Amino acid sequence: MFKSERGSATAEYAIATMAAVGFAGLLVVIMRSDEVKQMLLGLVKSALTFTNPNG
């Protein structure tokens, strides 16, 4: 009548962990791109550069 759900939480954690590892791997591949590095560097530089809007 009732199916045993023993181990289902462990399987869910394993699937979530594998998805996170896959996403991290994708981010590593993207971050190795020179275009992305330059874009992020430009964003950081513009965020850290203070310009007075009043001149």
PDB file of N, CA and C in Angstrom:
ATOM      1  N   MET A   1       0.818  -1.189   0.000  1.00  0.00           N
ATOM      2  CA  MET A   1       0.000   0.000   0.000  1.00  0.00           C
ATOM      3  C   MET A   1       0.865   1.258   0.000  1.00  0.00           C
ATOM      4  N   PHE A   2       1.781   1.382   0.984  1.00  0.00           N
ATOM      5  CA  PHE A   2       2.671   2.528   1.031  1.00  0.00           C
ATOM      6  C   PHE A   2       4.041   2.132   0.498  1.00  0.00           C
ATOM      7  N   LYS A   3       4.584   2.987  -0.355  1.00  0.00           N
ATOM      8  CA  LYS A   3       5.930   2.730  -0.855  1.00  0.00           C
ATOM      9  C   LYS A   3       6.939   3.316   0.123  1.00  0.00           C
ATOM     10  N   SER A   4       8.034   2.658   0.270  1.00  0.00           N
ATOM     11  CA  SER A   4       9.093   3.151   1.142  1.00  0.00           C
ATOM     12  C   SER A   4       9.812   4.306   0.459  1.00  0.00           C
ATOM     13  N   GLU A   5       9.958   5.406   1.185  1.00  0.00           N
ATOM     14  CA  GLU A   5      10.680   6.560   0.653  1.00  0.00           C
ATOM     15  C   GLU A   5      12.060   6.670   1.270  1.00  0.00           C
ATOM     16  N   ARG A   6      12.519   5.568   1.820  1.00  0.00           N
ATOM     17  CA  ARG A   6      13.823   5.552   2.449  1.00  0.00           C
ATOM     18  C   ARG A   6      14.905   5.825   1.404  1.00  0.00           C
ATOM     19  N   GLY A   7      15.754   6.801   1.694  1.00  0.00           N
ATOM     20  CA  GLY A   7      16.828   7.143   0.778  1.00  0.00           C
ATOM     21  C   GLY A   7      16.469   8.202  -0.239  1.00  0.00           C
ATOM     22  N   SER A   8      15.206   8.624  -0.264  1.00  0.00           N
ATOM     23  CA  SER A   8      14.815   9.616  -1.275  1.00  0.00           C
ATOM     24  C   SER A   8      15.449  10.970  -1.002  1.00  0.00           C
ATOM     25  N   ALA A   9      15.599  11.334   0.270  1.00  0.00           N
ATOM     26  CA  ALA A   9      16.240  12.615   0.589  1.00  0.00           C
ATOM     27  C   ALA A   9      17.695  12.597   0.141  1.00  0.00           C
ATOM     28  N   THR A  10      18.364  11.482   0.335  1.00  0.00           N
ATOM     29  CA  THR A  10      19.755  11.361  -0.087  1.00  0.00           C
ATOM     30  C   THR A  10      19.870  11.487  -1.603  1.00  0.00           C
ATOM     31  N   ALA A  11      18.955  10.892  -2.313  1.00  0.00           N
ATOM     32  CA  ALA A  11      18.965  10.994  -3.775  1.00  0.00           C
ATOM     33  C   ALA A  11      18.711  12.433  -4.211  1.00  0.00           C
ATOM     34  N   GLU A  12      17.810  13.123  -3.529  1.00  0.00           N
ATOM     35  CA  GLU A  12      17.544  14.528  -3.871  1.00  0.00           C
ATOM     36  C   GLU A  12      18.773  15.390  -3.620  1.00  0.00           C
ATOM     37  N   TYR A  13      19.463  15.155  -2.502  1.00  0.00           N
ATOM     38  CA  TYR A  13      20.694  15.895  -2.228  1.00  0.00           C
ATOM     39  C   TYR A  13      21.756  15.597  -3.279  1.00  0.00           C
ATOM     40  N   ALA A  14      21.853  14.366  -3.712  1.00  0.00           N
ATOM     41  CA  ALA A  14      22.835  14.005  -4.729  1.00  0.00           C
ATOM     42  C   ALA A  14      22.531  14.703  -6.049  1.00  0.00           C
ATOM     43  N   ILE A  15      21.256  14.759  -6.422  1.00  0.00           N
ATOM     44  CA  ILE A  15      20.874  15.431  -7.670  1.00  0.00           C
ATOM     45  C   ILE A  15      21.158  16.925  -7.573  1.00  0.00           C
ATOM     46  N   ALA A  16      20.818  17.541  -6.435  1.00  0.00           N
ATOM     47  CA  ALA A  16      21.079  18.976  -6.257  1.00  0.00           C
ATOM     48  C   ALA A  16      22.578  19.268  -6.276  1.00  0.00           C
ATOM     49  N   THR A  17      23.366  18.380  -5.668  1.00  0.00           N
ATOM     50  CA  THR A  17      24.817  18.558  -5.663  1.00  0.00           C
ATOM     51  C   THR A  17      25.381  18.447  -7.072  1.00  0.00           C
ATOM     52  N   MET A  18      24.905  17.481  -7.834  1.00  0.00           N
ATOM     53  CA  MET A  18      25.376  17.331  -9.218  1.00  0.00           C
ATOM     54  C   MET A  18      24.997  18.541 -10.064  1.00  0.00           C
ATOM     55  N   ALA A  19      23.814  19.085  -9.854  1.00  0.00           N
ATOM     56  CA  ALA A  19      23.403  20.285 -10.590  1.00  0.00           C
ATOM     57  C   ALA A  19      24.296  21.464 -10.225  1.00  0.00           C
ATOM     58  N   ALA A  20      24.623  21.606  -8.950  1.00  0.00           N
ATOM     59  CA  ALA A  20      25.498  22.694  -8.513  1.00  0.00           C
ATOM     60  C   ALA A  20      26.897  22.547  -9.099  1.00  0.00           C
ATOM     61  N   VAL A  21      27.410  21.336  -9.146  1.00  0.00           N
ATOM     62  CA  VAL A  21      28.734  21.091  -9.724  1.00  0.00           C
ATOM     63  C   VAL A  21      28.727  21.403 -11.219  1.00  0.00           C
ATOM     64  N   GLY A  22      27.670  21.007 -11.901  1.00  0.00           N
ATOM     65  CA  GLY A  22      27.556  21.314 -13.324  1.00  0.00           C
ATOM     66  C   GLY A  22      27.499  22.810 -13.583  1.00  0.00           C
ATOM     67  N   PHE A  23      26.738  23.526 -12.754  1.00  0.00           N
ATOM     68  CA  PHE A  23      26.638  24.980 -12.895  1.00  0.00           C
ATOM     69  C   PHE A  23      27.978  25.641 -12.614  1.00  0.00           C
ATOM     70  N   ALA A  24      28.691  25.172 -11.589  1.00  0.00           N
ATOM     71  CA  ALA A  24      30.008  25.718 -11.277  1.00  0.00           C
ATOM     72  C   ALA A  24      30.980  25.471 -12.430  1.00  0.00           C
ATOM     73  N   GLY A  25      30.918  24.300 -13.026  1.00  0.00           N
ATOM     74  CA  GLY A  25      31.774  24.007 -14.175  1.00  0.00           C
ATOM     75  C   GLY A  25      31.478  24.921 -15.351  1.00  0.00           C
ATOM     76  N   LEU A  26      30.205  25.183 -15.584  1.00  0.00           N
ATOM     77  CA  LEU A  26      29.819  26.102 -16.647  1.00  0.00           C
ATOM     78  C   LEU A  26      30.343  27.509 -16.373  1.00  0.00           C
ATOM     79  N   LEU A  27      30.260  27.946 -15.121  1.00  0.00           N
ATOM     80  CA  LEU A  27      30.788  29.267 -14.769  1.00  0.00           C
ATOM     81  C   LEU A  27      32.299  29.339 -14.980  1.00  0.00           C
ATOM     82  N   VAL A  28      33.010  28.267 -14.671  1.00  0.00           N
ATOM     83  CA  VAL A  28      34.461  28.249 -14.873  1.00  0.00           C
ATOM     84  C   VAL A  28      34.783  28.387 -16.355  1.00  0.00           C
ATOM     85  N   VAL A  29      34.049  27.684 -17.198  1.00  0.00           N
ATOM     86  CA  VAL A  29      34.280  27.770 -18.642  1.00  0.00           C
ATOM     87  C   VAL A  29      34.002  29.194 -19.133  1.00  0.00           C
ATOM     88  N   ILE A  30      32.924  29.783 -18.665  1.00  0.00           N
ATOM     89  CA  ILE A  30      32.572  31.146 -19.082  1.00  0.00           C
ATOM     90  C   ILE A  30      33.612  32.143 -18.590  1.00  0.00           C
ATOM     91  N   MET A  31      34.065  31.984 -17.346  1.00  0.00           N
ATOM     92  CA  MET A  31      35.009  32.940 -16.768  1.00  0.00           C
ATOM     93  C   MET A  31      36.385  32.876 -17.425  1.00  0.00           C
ATOM     94  N   ARG A  32      36.704  31.794 -18.102  1.00  0.00           N
ATOM     95  CA  ARG A  32      37.997  31.698 -18.780  1.00  0.00           C
ATOM     96  C   ARG A  32      38.014  32.453 -20.108  1.00  0.00           C
ATOM     97  N   SER A  33      36.866  32.893 -20.544  1.00  0.00           N
ATOM     98  CA  SER A  33      36.765  33.634 -21.796  1.00  0.00           C
ATOM     99  C   SER A  33      37.361  35.036 -21.613  1.00  0.00           C
ATOM    100  N   ASP A  34      38.204  35.465 -22.555  1.00  0.00           N
ATOM    101  CA  ASP A  34      38.827  36.786 -22.462  1.00  0.00           C
ATOM    102  C   ASP A  34      37.798  37.910 -22.511  1.00  0.00           C
ATOM    103  N   GLU A  35      36.743  37.742 -23.314  1.00  0.00           N
ATOM    104  CA  GLU A  35      35.728  38.781 -23.415  1.00  0.00           C
ATOM    105  C   GLU A  35      35.026  38.985 -22.078  1.00  0.00           C
ATOM    106  N   VAL A  36      34.722  37.896 -21.417  1.00  0.00           N
ATOM    107  CA  VAL A  36      34.041  37.990 -20.125  1.00  0.00           C
ATOM    108  C   VAL A  36      34.969  38.596 -19.082  1.00  0.00           C
ATOM    109  N   LYS A  37      36.243  38.213 -19.107  1.00  0.00           N
ATOM    110  CA  LYS A  37      37.206  38.786 -18.163  1.00  0.00           C
ATOM    111  C   LYS A  37      37.293  40.294 -18.333  1.00  0.00           C
ATOM    112  N   GLN A  38      37.379  40.751 -19.586  1.00  0.00           N
ATOM    113  CA  GLN A  38      37.482  42.183 -19.838  1.00  0.00           C
ATOM    114  C   GLN A  38      36.213  42.915 -19.405  1.00  0.00           C
ATOM    115  N   MET A  39      35.050  42.319 -19.667  1.00  0.00           N
ATOM    116  CA  MET A  39      33.800  42.943 -19.278  1.00  0.00           C
ATOM    117  C   MET A  39      33.708  43.071 -17.756  1.00  0.00           C
ATOM    118  N   LEU A  40      34.052  42.005 -17.038  1.00  0.00           N
ATOM    119  CA  LEU A  40      33.997  42.051 -15.579  1.00  0.00           C
ATOM    120  C   LEU A  40      35.025  43.021 -15.015  1.00  0.00           C
ATOM    121  N   LEU A  41      36.201  43.058 -15.602  1.00  0.00           N
ATOM    122  CA  LEU A  41      37.222  43.996 -15.156  1.00  0.00           C
ATOM    123  C   LEU A  41      36.745  45.429 -15.352  1.00  0.00           C
ATOM    124  N   GLY A  42      36.104  45.697 -16.475  1.00  0.00           N
ATOM    125  CA  GLY A  42      35.553  47.028 -16.716  1.00  0.00           C
ATOM    126  C   GLY A  42      34.470  47.394 -15.718  1.00  0.00           C
ATOM    127  N   LEU A  43      33.626  46.437 -15.375  1.00  0.00           N
ATOM    128  CA  LEU A  43      32.578  46.693 -14.377  1.00  0.00           C
ATOM    129  C   LEU A  43      33.176  47.001 -13.011  1.00  0.00           C
ATOM    130  N   VAL A  44      34.201  46.234 -12.627  1.00  0.00           N
ATOM    131  CA  VAL A  44      34.836  46.468 -11.336  1.00  0.00           C
ATOM    132  C   VAL A  44      35.521  47.820 -11.322  1.00  0.00           C
ATOM    133  N   LYS A  45      36.226  48.163 -12.397  1.00  0.00           N
ATOM    134  CA  LYS A  45      36.905  49.458 -12.464  1.00  0.00           C
ATOM    135  C   LYS A  45      35.914  50.603 -12.385  1.00  0.00           C
ATOM    136  N   SER A  46      34.802  50.501 -13.111  1.00  0.00           N
ATOM    137  CA  SER A  46      33.817  51.583 -13.080  1.00  0.00           C
ATOM    138  C   SER A  46      33.136  51.668 -11.716  1.00  0.00           C
ATOM    139  N   ALA A  47      32.977  50.537 -11.036  1.00  0.00           N
ATOM    140  CA  ALA A  47      32.367  50.562  -9.710  1.00  0.00           C
ATOM    141  C   ALA A  47      33.306  51.176  -8.679  1.00  0.00           C
ATOM    142  N   LEU A  48      34.612  50.997  -8.863  1.00  0.00           N
ATOM    143  CA  LEU A  48      35.575  51.514  -7.898  1.00  0.00           C
ATOM    144  C   LEU A  48      36.065  52.921  -8.211  1.00  0.00           C
ATOM    145  N   THR A  49      35.763  53.418  -9.401  1.00  0.00           N
ATOM    146  CA  THR A  49      36.193  54.745  -9.789  1.00  0.00           C
ATOM    147  C   THR A  49      35.134  55.757  -9.376  1.00  0.00           C
ATOM    148  N   PHE A  50      35.557  56.742  -8.587  1.00  0.00           N
ATOM    149  CA  PHE A  50      34.626  57.770  -8.133  1.00  0.00           C
ATOM    150  C   PHE A  50      34.743  58.991  -9.039  1.00  0.00           C
ATOM    151  N   THR A  51      33.652  59.401  -9.598  1.00  0.00           N
ATOM    152  CA  THR A  51      33.611  60.628 -10.381  1.00  0.00           C
ATOM    153  C   THR A  51      32.580  61.543  -9.768  1.00  0.00           C
ATOM    154  N   ASN A  52      32.926  62.786  -9.605  1.00  0.00           N
ATOM    155  CA  ASN A  52      32.029  63.762  -9.017  1.00  0.00           C
ATOM    156  C   ASN A  52      31.022  64.196 -10.069  1.00  0.00           C
ATOM    157  N   PRO A  53      29.740  63.933  -9.876  1.00  0.00           N
ATOM    158  CA  PRO A  53      28.747  64.297 -10.898  1.00  0.00           C
ATOM    159  C   PRO A  53      28.558  65.804 -11.020  1.00  0.00           C
ATOM    160  N   ASN A  54      29.033  66.592 -10.039  1.00  0.00           N
ATOM    161  CA  ASN A  54      28.870  68.041 -10.080  1.00  0.00           C
ATOM    162  C   ASN A  54      30.066  68.743 -10.714  1.00  0.00           C
ATOM    163  N   GLY A  55      30.976  67.977 -11.230  1.00  0.00           N
ATOM    164  CA  GLY A  55      32.123  68.571 -11.912  1.00  0.00           C
ATOM    165  C   GLY A  55      33.287  68.598 -11.041  1.00  0.00           C
TER     166      GLY A  55
END
